Amino acid sequence: MDVEGHCVVIAPPGSGKTKLLVTRLAALRTSGGGEARRVMVGG
């Protein structure tokens, strides 16, 4: 999956939202495609 720009994750409790976000951020960081300061997570 390739997402450029804003992305919203809507899912029920226990469905793996946190794992998805952490995995995606790690992939961005290791590929050189993202800066941690440009990622915003809100609740």
N, C-alpha and C. Protein backbone atom coordinates (compact mmCIF):
# COMPACT_ATOMS: atom_id res chain seq x y z
N MET A 1 0.84 -1.17 0.00
CA MET A 1 0.00 0.00 0.00
C MET A 1 0.89 1.23 0.00
N ASP A 2 0.61 2.16 -0.87
CA ASP A 2 1.37 3.40 -0.95
C ASP A 2 0.42 4.56 -0.74
N VAL A 3 0.62 5.30 0.35
CA VAL A 3 -0.25 6.41 0.67
C VAL A 3 0.58 7.68 0.74
N GLU A 4 0.18 8.68 -0.01
CA GLU A 4 0.86 9.97 0.03
C GLU A 4 -0.16 10.98 0.55
N GLY A 5 0.21 11.72 1.57
CA GLY A 5 -0.72 12.68 2.15
C GLY A 5 -1.36 12.12 3.40
N HIS A 6 -2.56 12.59 3.68
CA HIS A 6 -3.26 12.22 4.91
C HIS A 6 -3.84 10.81 4.81
N CYS A 7 -3.89 10.15 5.94
CA CYS A 7 -4.45 8.80 6.02
C CYS A 7 -5.22 8.68 7.33
N VAL A 8 -6.43 8.17 7.27
CA VAL A 8 -7.25 7.97 8.47
C VAL A 8 -7.49 6.48 8.65
N VAL A 9 -7.26 6.00 9.88
CA VAL A 9 -7.49 4.59 10.18
C VAL A 9 -8.67 4.52 11.15
N ILE A 10 -9.76 3.91 10.70
CA ILE A 10 -10.96 3.75 11.53
C ILE A 10 -11.24 2.26 11.65
N ALA A 11 -11.21 1.76 12.87
CA ALA A 11 -11.43 0.33 13.10
C ALA A 11 -11.84 0.12 14.56
N PRO A 12 -12.49 -1.00 14.83
CA PRO A 12 -12.94 -1.29 16.20
C PRO A 12 -11.77 -1.65 17.12
N PRO A 13 -12.01 -1.62 18.44
CA PRO A 13 -10.98 -1.99 19.41
C PRO A 13 -10.44 -3.40 19.16
N GLY A 14 -9.13 -3.56 19.32
CA GLY A 14 -8.51 -4.87 19.20
C GLY A 14 -8.26 -5.32 17.78
N SER A 15 -8.41 -4.41 16.81
CA SER A 15 -8.25 -4.81 15.41
C SER A 15 -6.84 -4.60 14.87
N GLY A 16 -5.94 -3.99 15.67
CA GLY A 16 -4.54 -3.85 15.24
C GLY A 16 -4.16 -2.47 14.72
N LYS A 17 -4.90 -1.44 15.11
CA LYS A 17 -4.59 -0.08 14.64
C LYS A 17 -3.19 0.37 15.06
N THR A 18 -2.86 0.17 16.33
CA THR A 18 -1.55 0.60 16.82
C THR A 18 -0.44 -0.14 16.10
N LYS A 19 -0.58 -1.44 15.92
CA LYS A 19 0.43 -2.23 15.22
C LYS A 19 0.58 -1.74 13.78
N LEU A 20 -0.52 -1.43 13.12
CA LEU A 20 -0.48 -0.90 11.75
C LEU A 20 0.31 0.40 11.70
N LEU A 21 0.01 1.33 12.61
CA LEU A 21 0.68 2.62 12.60
C LEU A 21 2.17 2.50 12.90
N VAL A 22 2.53 1.67 13.88
CA VAL A 22 3.94 1.50 14.24
C VAL A 22 4.70 0.81 13.11
N THR A 23 4.10 -0.20 12.50
CA THR A 23 4.73 -0.91 11.39
C THR A 23 4.94 0.00 10.20
N ARG A 24 3.92 0.81 9.90
CA ARG A 24 4.01 1.74 8.76
C ARG A 24 5.08 2.80 9.01
N LEU A 25 5.13 3.34 10.22
CA LEU A 25 6.14 4.34 10.55
C LEU A 25 7.54 3.75 10.47
N ALA A 26 7.71 2.53 10.96
CA ALA A 26 9.02 1.86 10.89
C ALA A 26 9.43 1.65 9.43
N ALA A 27 8.49 1.26 8.59
CA ALA A 27 8.80 1.06 7.16
C ALA A 27 9.19 2.37 6.50
N LEU A 28 8.50 3.46 6.84
CA LEU A 28 8.86 4.77 6.29
C LEU A 28 10.26 5.18 6.71
N ARG A 29 10.57 4.97 7.99
CA ARG A 29 11.88 5.37 8.51
C ARG A 29 13.00 4.55 7.88
N THR A 30 12.83 3.24 7.75
CA THR A 30 13.91 2.41 7.21
C THR A 30 14.10 2.60 5.72
N SER A 31 13.06 3.01 5.02
CA SER A 31 13.18 3.24 3.58
C SER A 31 13.65 4.66 3.27
N GLY A 32 13.77 5.49 4.31
CA GLY A 32 14.20 6.88 4.09
C GLY A 32 13.06 7.74 3.57
N GLY A 33 11.83 7.26 3.64
CA GLY A 33 10.70 7.98 3.07
C GLY A 33 9.94 8.87 4.03
N GLY A 34 10.39 8.99 5.26
CA GLY A 34 9.64 9.81 6.20
C GLY A 34 10.46 10.33 7.34
N GLU A 35 10.10 11.48 7.82
CA GLU A 35 10.74 12.07 8.99
C GLU A 35 9.78 11.96 10.15
N ALA A 36 10.26 11.56 11.30
CA ALA A 36 9.41 11.37 12.48
C ALA A 36 8.67 12.66 12.85
N ARG A 37 9.29 13.80 12.66
CA ARG A 37 8.64 15.07 13.03
C ARG A 37 7.48 15.42 12.11
N ARG A 38 7.35 14.74 10.95
CA ARG A 38 6.27 15.03 10.02
C ARG A 38 5.08 14.09 10.22
N VAL A 39 5.17 13.18 11.18
CA VAL A 39 4.09 12.24 11.44
C VAL A 39 3.31 12.71 12.65
N MET A 40 1.99 12.87 12.48
CA MET A 40 1.15 13.32 13.57
C MET A 40 0.10 12.25 13.86
N VAL A 41 -0.02 11.87 15.11
CA VAL A 41 -1.02 10.89 15.53
C VAL A 41 -1.92 11.58 16.54
N GLY A 42 -3.20 11.59 16.26
CA GLY A 42 -4.16 12.24 17.16
C GLY A 42 -5.21 11.25 17.61
N GLY A 43 -5.87 11.59 18.67
CA GLY A 43 -6.87 10.67 19.19
C GLY A 43 -8.20 11.32 19.40
